[in-house]
Amino acid sequence: MPCIDFPDPWQSLNKPACPHFTGAVTIIAEFTDRAKAQLQMIEAVYGIRITNIDTVARLIGEDADNEREVLAVCSALNSWVFFNHVRGAVELPVNVVKSLRGKINRHT
């Protein structure tokens, strides 16, 4: 499969011009890191501590096809935290994360 030239954002992320050399693991790790950063922001905004933050970030990152999906799932979790009046240390229910992830993946 031939490589095509990508716009400058690929270069600014220190990625090779050809995505075939980055590997799926790198992309999953990047999406997981982005999800964790979003979840940490939720923690900061609401003054909570997500006890299973690594698990939730990995669930989001492994299933995302793009950064928009990561942001959409994290935004939905932000709303879930707000509407459920979460306080203190909380373990986000994995079934809620999977449900939100599935609904968003079907609509993006």
PDB file of N, CA and C in Angstrom:
ATOM      1  N   MET A   1       0.848  -1.166   0.000  1.00  0.00           N
ATOM      2  CA  MET A   1       0.000   0.000   0.000  1.00  0.00           C
ATOM      3  C   MET A   1       0.899   1.235   0.000  1.00  0.00           C
ATOM      4  N   PRO A   2       0.749   2.113  -0.986  1.00  0.00           N
ATOM      5  CA  PRO A   2       1.611   3.294  -1.051  1.00  0.00           C
ATOM      6  C   PRO A   2       1.223   4.312   0.014  1.00  0.00           C
ATOM      7  N   CYS A   3       2.210   5.078   0.439  1.00  0.00           N
ATOM      8  CA  CYS A   3       1.971   6.141   1.412  1.00  0.00           C
ATOM      9  C   CYS A   3       1.604   7.416   0.669  1.00  0.00           C
ATOM     10  N   ILE A   4       0.760   8.197   1.289  1.00  0.00           N
ATOM     11  CA  ILE A   4       0.411   9.487   0.720  1.00  0.00           C
ATOM     12  C   ILE A   4       0.961  10.578   1.624  1.00  0.00           C
ATOM     13  N   ASP A   5       1.073  11.761   1.096  1.00  0.00           N
ATOM     14  CA  ASP A   5       1.544  12.880   1.906  1.00  0.00           C
ATOM     15  C   ASP A   5       0.414  13.372   2.788  1.00  0.00           C
ATOM     16  N   PHE A   6       0.714  13.561   4.072  1.00  0.00           N
ATOM     17  CA  PHE A   6      -0.265  14.068   5.023  1.00  0.00           C
ATOM     18  C   PHE A   6       0.028  15.530   5.308  1.00  0.00           C
ATOM     19  N   PRO A   7      -0.973  16.274   5.766  1.00  0.00           N
ATOM     20  CA  PRO A   7      -0.733  17.678   6.091  1.00  0.00           C
ATOM     21  C   PRO A   7       0.204  17.819   7.285  1.00  0.00           C
ATOM     22  N   ASP A   8       0.654  19.024   7.517  1.00  0.00           N
ATOM     23  CA  ASP A   8       1.621  19.319   8.566  1.00  0.00           C
ATOM     24  C   ASP A   8       1.262  18.799   9.954  1.00  0.00           C
ATOM     25  N   PRO A   9      -0.010  18.707  10.381  1.00  0.00           N
ATOM     26  CA  PRO A   9      -0.271  18.225  11.739  1.00  0.00           C
ATOM     27  C   PRO A   9       0.388  16.878  12.047  1.00  0.00           C
ATOM     28  N   TRP A  10       0.505  16.013  11.053  1.00  0.00           N
ATOM     29  CA  TRP A  10       1.187  14.730  11.294  1.00  0.00           C
ATOM     30  C   TRP A  10       2.634  14.974  11.673  1.00  0.00           C
ATOM     31  N   GLN A  11       3.272  15.894  10.963  1.00  0.00           N
ATOM     32  CA  GLN A  11       4.677  16.173  11.230  1.00  0.00           C
ATOM     33  C   GLN A  11       4.859  16.823  12.605  1.00  0.00           C
ATOM     34  N   SER A  12       3.917  17.684  12.990  1.00  0.00           N
ATOM     35  CA  SER A  12       4.050  18.370  14.269  1.00  0.00           C
ATOM     36  C   SER A  12       3.849  17.420  15.438  1.00  0.00           C
ATOM     37  N   LEU A  13       3.233  16.282  15.207  1.00  0.00           N
ATOM     38  CA  LEU A  13       3.058  15.282  16.251  1.00  0.00           C
ATOM     39  C   LEU A  13       4.221  14.297  16.280  1.00  0.00           C
ATOM     40  N   ASN A  14       5.273  14.603  15.510  1.00  0.00           N
ATOM     41  CA  ASN A  14       6.467  13.753  15.428  1.00  0.00           C
ATOM     42  C   ASN A  14       6.141  12.346  14.953  1.00  0.00           C
ATOM     43  N   LYS A  15       5.213  12.255  14.031  1.00  0.00           N
ATOM     44  CA  LYS A  15       4.863  10.964  13.452  1.00  0.00           C
ATOM     45  C   LYS A  15       5.457  10.890  12.057  1.00  0.00           C
ATOM     46  N   PRO A  16       5.809   9.695  11.640  1.00  0.00           N
ATOM     47  CA  PRO A  16       6.284   9.557  10.254  1.00  0.00           C
ATOM     48  C   PRO A  16       5.169   9.913   9.282  1.00  0.00           C
ATOM     49  N   ALA A  17       5.540  10.302   8.085  1.00  0.00           N
ATOM     50  CA  ALA A  17       4.551  10.697   7.094  1.00  0.00           C
ATOM     51  C   ALA A  17       3.642   9.542   6.703  1.00  0.00           C
ATOM     52  N   CYS A  18       4.103   8.325   6.851  1.00  0.00           N
ATOM     53  CA  CYS A  18       3.307   7.155   6.484  1.00  0.00           C
ATOM     54  C   CYS A  18       2.703   6.518   7.739  1.00  0.00           C
ATOM     55  N   PRO A  19       1.367   6.456   7.835  1.00  0.00           N
ATOM     56  CA  PRO A  19       0.744   5.909   9.039  1.00  0.00           C
ATOM     57  C   PRO A  19       0.987   4.419   9.220  1.00  0.00           C
ATOM     58  N   HIS A  20       1.435   3.722   8.191  1.00  0.00           N
ATOM     59  CA  HIS A  20       1.667   2.278   8.295  1.00  0.00           C
ATOM     60  C   HIS A  20       2.807   1.954   9.246  1.00  0.00           C
ATOM     61  N   PHE A  21       3.631   2.929   9.550  1.00  0.00           N
ATOM     62  CA  PHE A  21       4.765   2.695  10.429  1.00  0.00           C
ATOM     63  C   PHE A  21       4.500   3.108  11.875  1.00  0.00           C
ATOM     64  N   THR A  22       3.346   3.725  12.148  1.00  0.00           N
ATOM     65  CA  THR A  22       3.049   4.153  13.516  1.00  0.00           C
ATOM     66  C   THR A  22       2.488   3.006  14.329  1.00  0.00           C
ATOM     67  N   GLY A  23       1.735   2.136  13.713  1.00  0.00           N
ATOM     68  CA  GLY A  23       1.163   0.991  14.397  1.00  0.00           C
ATOM     69  C   GLY A  23      -0.068   1.344  15.195  1.00  0.00           C
ATOM     70  N   ALA A  24      -0.967   0.383  15.297  1.00  0.00           N
ATOM     71  CA  ALA A  24      -2.222   0.581  16.017  1.00  0.00           C
ATOM     72  C   ALA A  24      -1.980   0.815  17.498  1.00  0.00           C
ATOM     73  N   VAL A  25      -0.951   0.190  18.049  1.00  0.00           N
ATOM     74  CA  VAL A  25      -0.675   0.338  19.474  1.00  0.00           C
ATOM     75  C   VAL A  25      -0.377   1.796  19.811  1.00  0.00           C
ATOM     76  N   THR A  26       0.362   2.487  18.955  1.00  0.00           N
ATOM     77  CA  THR A  26       0.686   3.890  19.181  1.00  0.00           C
ATOM     78  C   THR A  26      -0.571   4.741  19.170  1.00  0.00           C
ATOM     79  N   ILE A  27      -1.459   4.485  18.238  1.00  0.00           N
ATOM     80  CA  ILE A  27      -2.704   5.250  18.133  1.00  0.00           C
ATOM     81  C   ILE A  27      -3.573   4.990  19.353  1.00  0.00           C
ATOM     82  N   ILE A  28      -3.699   3.737  19.771  1.00  0.00           N
ATOM     83  CA  ILE A  28      -4.491   3.411  20.958  1.00  0.00           C
ATOM     84  C   ILE A  28      -3.908   4.100  22.181  1.00  0.00           C
ATOM     85  N   ALA A  29      -2.596   4.083  22.319  1.00  0.00           N
ATOM     86  CA  ALA A  29      -1.945   4.743  23.455  1.00  0.00           C
ATOM     87  C   ALA A  29      -2.212   6.247  23.429  1.00  0.00           C
ATOM     88  N   GLU A  30      -2.173   6.839  22.253  1.00  0.00           N
ATOM     89  CA  GLU A  30      -2.434   8.270  22.122  1.00  0.00           C
ATOM     90  C   GLU A  30      -3.868   8.594  22.515  1.00  0.00           C
ATOM     91  N   PHE A  31      -4.829   7.809  22.027  1.00  0.00           N
ATOM     92  CA  PHE A  31      -6.233   8.031  22.369  1.00  0.00           C
ATOM     93  C   PHE A  31      -6.472   7.795  23.859  1.00  0.00           C
ATOM     94  N   THR A  32      -5.796   6.790  24.428  1.00  0.00           N
ATOM     95  CA  THR A  32      -5.923   6.509  25.860  1.00  0.00           C
ATOM     96  C   THR A  32      -5.380   7.675  26.671  1.00  0.00           C
ATOM     97  N   ASP A  33      -4.250   8.216  26.262  1.00  0.00           N
ATOM     98  CA  ASP A  33      -3.671   9.377  26.945  1.00  0.00           C
ATOM     99  C   ASP A  33      -4.600  10.583  26.877  1.00  0.00           C
ATOM    100  N   ARG A  34      -5.203  10.786  25.721  1.00  0.00           N
ATOM    101  CA  ARG A  34      -6.137  11.910  25.563  1.00  0.00           C
ATOM    102  C   ARG A  34      -7.359  11.715  26.455  1.00  0.00           C
ATOM    103  N   ALA A  35      -7.859  10.486  26.514  1.00  0.00           N
ATOM    104  CA  ALA A  35      -9.015  10.196  27.374  1.00  0.00           C
ATOM    105  C   ALA A  35      -8.659  10.440  28.835  1.00  0.00           C
ATOM    106  N   LYS A  36      -7.478  10.002  29.247  1.00  0.00           N
ATOM    107  CA  LYS A  36      -7.062  10.197  30.631  1.00  0.00           C
ATOM    108  C   LYS A  36      -6.947  11.686  30.954  1.00  0.00           C
ATOM    109  N   ALA A  37      -6.420  12.461  30.038  1.00  0.00           N
ATOM    110  CA  ALA A  37      -6.310  13.907  30.257  1.00  0.00           C
ATOM    111  C   ALA A  37      -7.699  14.535  30.417  1.00  0.00           C
ATOM    112  N   GLN A  38      -8.649  14.095  29.598  1.00  0.00           N
ATOM    113  CA  GLN A  38     -10.018  14.611  29.712  1.00  0.00           C
ATOM    114  C   GLN A  38     -10.642  14.205  31.048  1.00  0.00           C
ATOM    115  N   LEU A  39     -10.405  12.965  31.459  1.00  0.00           N
ATOM    116  CA  LEU A  39     -10.941  12.490  32.732  1.00  0.00           C
ATOM    117  C   LEU A  39     -10.307  13.237  33.905  1.00  0.00           C
ATOM    118  N   GLN A  40      -9.030  13.561  33.798  1.00  0.00           N
ATOM    119  CA  GLN A  40      -8.373  14.348  34.843  1.00  0.00           C
ATOM    120  C   GLN A  40      -8.967  15.749  34.922  1.00  0.00           C
ATOM    121  N   MET A  41      -9.378  16.286  33.793  1.00  0.00           N
ATOM    122  CA  MET A  41     -10.029  17.592  33.786  1.00  0.00           C
ATOM    123  C   MET A  41     -11.384  17.503  34.494  1.00  0.00           C
ATOM    124  N   ILE A  42     -12.107  16.416  34.255  1.00  0.00           N
ATOM    125  CA  ILE A  42     -13.384  16.208  34.949  1.00  0.00           C
ATOM    126  C   ILE A  42     -13.141  16.139  36.453  1.00  0.00           C
ATOM    127  N   GLU A  43     -12.093  15.426  36.847  1.00  0.00           N
ATOM    128  CA  GLU A  43     -11.741  15.348  38.268  1.00  0.00           C
ATOM    129  C   GLU A  43     -11.496  16.748  38.836  1.00  0.00           C
ATOM    130  N   ALA A  44     -10.744  17.553  38.132  1.00  0.00           N
ATOM    131  CA  ALA A  44     -10.392  18.889  38.604  1.00  0.00           C
ATOM    132  C   ALA A  44     -11.618  19.796  38.695  1.00  0.00           C
ATOM    133  N   VAL A  45     -12.474  19.736  37.697  1.00  0.00           N
ATOM    134  CA  VAL A  45     -13.649  20.608  37.660  1.00  0.00           C
ATOM    135  C   VAL A  45     -14.603  20.286  38.812  1.00  0.00           C
ATOM    136  N   TYR A  46     -14.839  19.012  39.064  1.00  0.00           N
ATOM    137  CA  TYR A  46     -15.826  18.615  40.075  1.00  0.00           C
ATOM    138  C   TYR A  46     -15.200  18.299  41.434  1.00  0.00           C
ATOM    139  N   GLY A  47     -13.889  18.339  41.528  1.00  0.00           N
ATOM    140  CA  GLY A  47     -13.232  18.045  42.789  1.00  0.00           C
ATOM    141  C   GLY A  47     -13.435  16.603  43.227  1.00  0.00           C
ATOM    142  N   ILE A  48     -13.422  15.699  42.260  1.00  0.00           N
ATOM    143  CA  ILE A  48     -13.617  14.276  42.551  1.00  0.00           C
ATOM    144  C   ILE A  48     -12.336  13.521  42.221  1.00  0.00           C
ATOM    145  N   ARG A  49     -12.321  12.243  42.563  1.00  0.00           N
ATOM    146  CA  ARG A  49     -11.209  11.372  42.181  1.00  0.00           C
ATOM    147  C   ARG A  49     -11.808  10.127  41.558  1.00  0.00           C
ATOM    148  N   ILE A  50     -11.479   9.880  40.308  1.00  0.00           N
ATOM    149  CA  ILE A  50     -11.964   8.689  39.593  1.00  0.00           C
ATOM    150  C   ILE A  50     -10.985   7.566  39.905  1.00  0.00           C
ATOM    151  N   THR A  51     -11.447   6.597  40.692  1.00  0.00           N
ATOM    152  CA  THR A  51     -10.547   5.546  41.178  1.00  0.00           C
ATOM    153  C   THR A  51     -10.121   4.579  40.077  1.00  0.00           C
ATOM    154  N   ASN A  52     -10.929   4.431  39.048  1.00  0.00           N
ATOM    155  CA  ASN A  52     -10.597   3.522  37.948  1.00  0.00           C
ATOM    156  C   ASN A  52     -10.275   4.292  36.667  1.00  0.00           C
ATOM    157  N   ILE A  53      -9.580   5.415  36.824  1.00  0.00           N
ATOM    158  CA  ILE A  53      -9.306   6.308  35.689  1.00  0.00           C
ATOM    159  C   ILE A  53      -8.520   5.607  34.577  1.00  0.00           C
ATOM    160  N   ASP A  54      -7.551   4.764  34.930  1.00  0.00           N
ATOM    161  CA  ASP A  54      -6.753   4.081  33.901  1.00  0.00           C
ATOM    162  C   ASP A  54      -7.603   3.090  33.108  1.00  0.00           C
ATOM    163  N   THR A  55      -8.467   2.358  33.803  1.00  0.00           N
ATOM    164  CA  THR A  55      -9.345   1.395  33.137  1.00  0.00           C
ATOM    165  C   THR A  55     -10.304   2.105  32.190  1.00  0.00           C
ATOM    166  N   VAL A  56     -10.905   3.184  32.662  1.00  0.00           N
ATOM    167  CA  VAL A  56     -11.866   3.934  31.845  1.00  0.00           C
ATOM    168  C   VAL A  56     -11.163   4.551  30.640  1.00  0.00           C
ATOM    169  N   ALA A  57     -10.004   5.142  30.848  1.00  0.00           N
ATOM    170  CA  ALA A  57      -9.258   5.743  29.734  1.00  0.00           C
ATOM    171  C   ALA A  57      -8.899   4.688  28.690  1.00  0.00           C
ATOM    172  N   ARG A  58      -8.489   3.508  29.149  1.00  0.00           N
ATOM    173  CA  ARG A  58      -8.140   2.433  28.219  1.00  0.00           C
ATOM    174  C   ARG A  58      -9.370   1.965  27.443  1.00  0.00           C
ATOM    175  N   LEU A  59     -10.513   1.831  28.117  1.00  0.00           N
ATOM    176  CA  LEU A  59     -11.747   1.433  27.427  1.00  0.00           C
ATOM    177  C   LEU A  59     -12.107   2.428  26.325  1.00  0.00           C
ATOM    178  N   ILE A  60     -11.957   3.692  26.637  1.00  0.00           N
ATOM    179  CA  ILE A  60     -12.274   4.731  25.648  1.00  0.00           C
ATOM    180  C   ILE A  60     -11.259   4.709  24.513  1.00  0.00           C
ATOM    181  N   GLY A  61      -9.972   4.658  24.848  1.00  0.00           N
ATOM    182  CA  GLY A  61      -8.908   4.719  23.845  1.00  0.00           C
ATOM    183  C   GLY A  61      -8.876   3.532  22.909  1.00  0.00           C
ATOM    184  N   GLU A  62      -9.154   2.342  23.441  1.00  0.00           N
ATOM    185  CA  GLU A  62      -9.086   1.130  22.616  1.00  0.00           C
ATOM    186  C   GLU A  62     -10.170   1.087  21.550  1.00  0.00           C
ATOM    187  N   ASP A  63     -11.302   1.713  21.806  1.00  0.00           N
ATOM    188  CA  ASP A  63     -12.423   1.607  20.879  1.00  0.00           C
ATOM    189  C   ASP A  63     -12.571   2.814  19.958  1.00  0.00           C
ATOM    190  N   ALA A  64     -11.845   3.876  20.234  1.00  0.00           N
ATOM    191  CA  ALA A  64     -12.002   5.103  19.449  1.00  0.00           C
ATOM    192  C   ALA A  64     -11.378   4.966  18.065  1.00  0.00           C
ATOM    193  N   ASP A  65     -12.055   5.539  17.101  1.00  0.00           N
ATOM    194  CA  ASP A  65     -11.528   5.580  15.735  1.00  0.00           C
ATOM    195  C   ASP A  65     -10.834   6.905  15.452  1.00  0.00           C
ATOM    196  N   ASN A  66     -11.135   7.920  16.257  1.00  0.00           N
ATOM    197  CA  ASN A  66     -10.534   9.235  16.055  1.00  0.00           C
ATOM    198  C   ASN A  66     -10.656  10.049  17.337  1.00  0.00           C
ATOM    199  N   GLU A  67     -10.018  11.208  17.342  1.00  0.00           N
ATOM    200  CA  GLU A  67     -10.007  12.060  18.527  1.00  0.00           C
ATOM    201  C   GLU A  67     -11.396  12.584  18.874  1.00  0.00           C
ATOM    202  N   ARG A  68     -12.227  12.767  17.858  1.00  0.00           N
ATOM    203  CA  ARG A  68     -13.587  13.259  18.087  1.00  0.00           C
ATOM    204  C   ARG A  68     -14.370  12.281  18.957  1.00  0.00           C
ATOM    205  N   GLU A  69     -14.195  10.994  18.731  1.00  0.00           N
ATOM    206  CA  GLU A  69     -14.894   9.992  19.535  1.00  0.00           C
ATOM    207  C   GLU A  69     -14.412  10.010  20.985  1.00  0.00           C
ATOM    208  N   VAL A  70     -13.112  10.202  21.183  1.00  0.00           N
ATOM    209  CA  VAL A  70     -12.568  10.300  22.542  1.00  0.00           C
ATOM    210  C   VAL A  70     -13.218  11.473  23.257  1.00  0.00           C
ATOM    211  N   LEU A  71     -13.258  12.624  22.605  1.00  0.00           N
ATOM    212  CA  LEU A  71     -13.848  13.818  23.200  1.00  0.00           C
ATOM    213  C   LEU A  71     -15.341  13.628  23.459  1.00  0.00           C
ATOM    214  N   ALA A  72     -16.035  12.996  22.533  1.00  0.00           N
ATOM    215  CA  ALA A  72     -17.480  12.792  22.686  1.00  0.00           C
ATOM    216  C   ALA A  72     -17.802  11.894  23.884  1.00  0.00           C
ATOM    217  N   VAL A  73     -17.052  10.803  24.037  1.00  0.00           N
ATOM    218  CA  VAL A  73     -17.287   9.902  25.171  1.00  0.00           C
ATOM    219  C   VAL A  73     -16.964  10.617  26.480  1.00  0.00           C
ATOM    220  N   CYS A  74     -15.863  11.344  26.520  1.00  0.00           N
ATOM    221  CA  CYS A  74     -15.487  12.063  27.744  1.00  0.00           C
ATOM    222  C   CYS A  74     -16.493  13.173  28.066  1.00  0.00           C
ATOM    223  N   SER A  75     -17.017  13.826  27.054  1.00  0.00           N
ATOM    224  CA  SER A  75     -18.042  14.847  27.276  1.00  0.00           C
ATOM    225  C   SER A  75     -19.308  14.220  27.840  1.00  0.00           C
ATOM    226  N   ALA A  76     -19.674  13.058  27.329  1.00  0.00           N
ATOM    227  CA  ALA A  76     -20.840  12.345  27.849  1.00  0.00           C
ATOM    228  C   ALA A  76     -20.613  11.928  29.301  1.00  0.00           C
ATOM    229  N   LEU A  77     -19.398  11.480  29.620  1.00  0.00           N
ATOM    230  CA  LEU A  77     -19.083  11.122  31.006  1.00  0.00           C
ATOM    231  C   LEU A  77     -19.115  12.352  31.911  1.00  0.00           C
ATOM    232  N   ASN A  78     -18.678  13.484  31.393  1.00  0.00           N
ATOM    233  CA  ASN A  78     -18.759  14.731  32.147  1.00  0.00           C
ATOM    234  C   ASN A  78     -20.215  15.022  32.521  1.00  0.00           C
ATOM    235  N   SER A  79     -21.112  14.868  31.577  1.00  0.00           N
ATOM    236  CA  SER A  79     -22.537  15.075  31.845  1.00  0.00           C
ATOM    237  C   SER A  79     -23.060  14.058  32.847  1.00  0.00           C
ATOM    238  N   TRP A  80     -22.623  12.817  32.706  1.00  0.00           N
ATOM    239  CA  TRP A  80     -23.059  11.763  33.639  1.00  0.00           C
ATOM    240  C   TRP A  80     -22.633  12.108  35.064  1.00  0.00           C
ATOM    241  N   VAL A  81     -21.398  12.551  35.228  1.00  0.00           N
ATOM    242  CA  VAL A  81     -20.899  12.942  36.556  1.00  0.00           C
ATOM    243  C   VAL A  81     -21.732  14.086  37.105  1.00  0.00           C
ATOM    244  N   PHE A  82     -22.022  15.089  36.285  1.00  0.00           N
ATOM    245  CA  PHE A  82     -22.795  16.245  36.724  1.00  0.00           C
ATOM    246  C   PHE A  82     -24.205  15.844  37.147  1.00  0.00           C
ATOM    247  N   PHE A  83     -24.905  15.126  36.285  1.00  0.00           N
ATOM    248  CA  PHE A  83     -26.302  14.796  36.563  1.00  0.00           C
ATOM    249  C   PHE A  83     -26.481  13.772  37.678  1.00  0.00           C
ATOM    250  N   ASN A  84     -25.439  13.024  37.981  1.00  0.00           N
ATOM    251  CA  ASN A  84     -25.515  12.048  39.068  1.00  0.00           C
ATOM    252  C   ASN A  84     -24.939  12.596  40.375  1.00  0.00           C
ATOM    253  N   HIS A  85     -24.608  13.882  40.383  1.00  0.00           N
ATOM    254  CA  HIS A  85     -24.117  14.561  41.593  1.00  0.00           C
ATOM    255  C   HIS A  85     -22.998  13.777  42.272  1.00  0.00           C
ATOM    256  N   VAL A  86     -22.036  13.344  41.469  1.00  0.00           N
ATOM    257  CA  VAL A  86     -20.917  12.553  41.977  1.00  0.00           C
ATOM    258  C   VAL A  86     -20.042  13.429  42.863  1.00  0.00           C
ATOM    259  N   ARG A  87     -19.632  12.872  43.997  1.00  0.00           N
ATOM    260  CA  ARG A  87     -18.765  13.589  44.940  1.00  0.00           C
ATOM    261  C   ARG A  87     -17.695  12.639  45.458  1.00  0.00           C
ATOM    262  N   GLY A  88     -16.540  13.194  45.843  1.00  0.00           N
ATOM    263  CA  GLY A  88     -15.473  12.412  46.461  1.00  0.00           C
ATOM    264  C   GLY A  88     -14.841  11.417  45.498  1.00  0.00           C
ATOM    265  N   ALA A  89     -14.466  10.267  46.038  1.00  0.00           N
ATOM    266  CA  ALA A  89     -13.871   9.199  45.220  1.00  0.00           C
ATOM    267  C   ALA A  89     -14.999   8.399  44.579  1.00  0.00           C
ATOM    268  N   VAL A  90     -14.861   8.142  43.302  1.00  0.00           N
ATOM    269  CA  VAL A  90     -15.905   7.426  42.572  1.00  0.00           C
ATOM    270  C   VAL A  90     -15.267   6.447  41.600  1.00  0.00           C
ATOM    271  N   GLU A  91     -15.892   5.311  41.473  1.00  0.00           N
ATOM    272  CA  GLU A  91     -15.514   4.356  40.432  1.00  0.00           C
ATOM    273  C   GLU A  91     -16.576   4.460  39.350  1.00  0.00           C
ATOM    274  N   LEU A  92     -16.174   4.968  38.191  1.00  0.00           N
ATOM    275  CA  LEU A  92     -17.132   5.084  37.097  1.00  0.00           C
ATOM    276  C   LEU A  92     -17.554   3.688  36.658  1.00  0.00           C
ATOM    277  N   PRO A  93     -18.857   3.420  36.585  1.00  0.00           N
ATOM    278  CA  PRO A  93     -19.314   2.086  36.190  1.00  0.00           C
ATOM    279  C   PRO A  93     -18.876   1.749  34.761  1.00  0.00           C
ATOM    280  N   VAL A  94     -18.216   0.627  34.625  1.00  0.00           N
ATOM    281  CA  VAL A  94     -17.715   0.204  33.314  1.00  0.00           C
ATOM    282  C   VAL A  94     -18.873   0.034  32.333  1.00  0.00           C
ATOM    283  N   ASN A  95     -20.017  -0.457  32.818  1.00  0.00           N
ATOM    284  CA  ASN A  95     -21.157  -0.639  31.912  1.00  0.00           C
ATOM    285  C   ASN A  95     -21.660   0.698  31.375  1.00  0.00           C
ATOM    286  N   VAL A  96     -21.563   1.763  32.165  1.00  0.00           N
ATOM    287  CA  VAL A  96     -21.957   3.093  31.694  1.00  0.00           C
ATOM    288  C   VAL A  96     -20.979   3.567  30.621  1.00  0.00           C
ATOM    289  N   VAL A  97     -19.694   3.376  30.870  1.00  0.00           N
ATOM    290  CA  VAL A  97     -18.671   3.783  29.900  1.00  0.00           C
ATOM    291  C   VAL A  97     -18.875   3.034  28.580  1.00  0.00           C
ATOM    292  N   LYS A  98     -19.080   1.728  28.660  1.00  0.00           N
ATOM    293  CA  LYS A  98     -19.278   0.926  27.442  1.00  0.00           C
ATOM    294  C   LYS A  98     -20.547   1.331  26.712  1.00  0.00           C
ATOM    295  N   SER A  99     -21.605   1.631  27.462  1.00  0.00           N
ATOM    296  CA  SER A  99     -22.862   2.046  26.846  1.00  0.00           C
ATOM    297  C   SER A  99     -22.699   3.378  26.111  1.00  0.00           C
ATOM    298  N   LEU A 100     -22.079   4.350  26.770  1.00  0.00           N
ATOM    299  CA  LEU A 100     -21.847   5.642  26.124  1.00  0.00           C
ATOM    300  C   LEU A 100     -20.951   5.484  24.904  1.00  0.00           C
ATOM    301  N   ARG A 101     -19.914   4.701  25.055  1.00  0.00           N
ATOM    302  CA  ARG A 101     -18.973   4.466  23.954  1.00  0.00           C
ATOM    303  C   ARG A 101     -19.695   3.858  22.750  1.00  0.00           C
ATOM    304  N   GLY A 102     -20.530   2.859  23.015  1.00  0.00           N
ATOM    305  CA  GLY A 102     -21.267   2.203  21.930  1.00  0.00           C
ATOM    306  C   GLY A 102     -22.235   3.151  21.222  1.00  0.00           C
ATOM    307  N   LYS A 103     -22.934   3.970  21.996  1.00  0.00           N
ATOM    308  CA  LYS A 103     -23.880   4.913  21.393  1.00  0.00           C
ATOM    309  C   LYS A 103     -23.167   5.962  20.550  1.00  0.00           C
ATOM    310  N   ILE A 104     -22.045   6.434  21.051  1.00  0.00           N
ATOM    311  CA  ILE A 104     -21.303   7.465  20.311  1.00  0.00           C
ATOM    312  C   ILE A 104     -20.662   6.876  19.065  1.00  0.00           C
ATOM    313  N   ASN A 105     -20.136   5.671  19.149  1.00  0.00           N
ATOM    314  CA  ASN A 105     -19.507   5.040  17.987  1.00  0.00           C
ATOM    315  C   ASN A 105     -20.523   4.804  16.873  1.00  0.00           C
ATOM    316  N   ARG A 106     -21.773   4.551  17.231  1.00  0.00           N
ATOM    317  CA  ARG A 106     -22.805   4.346  16.209  1.00  0.00           C
ATOM    318  C   ARG A 106     -23.199   5.641  15.522  1.00  0.00           C
ATOM    319  N   HIS A 107     -22.952   6.789  16.169  1.00  0.00           N
ATOM    320  CA  HIS A 107     -23.398   8.061  15.632  1.00  0.00           C
ATOM    321  C   HIS A 107     -22.295   8.937  15.073  1.00  0.00           C
ATOM    322  N   THR A 108     -21.054   8.436  15.075  1.00  0.00           N
ATOM    323  CA  THR A 108     -19.971   9.255  14.514  1.00  0.00           C
ATOM    324  C   THR A 108     -19.497   8.694  13.212  1.00  0.00           C
TER     325      THR A 108
END
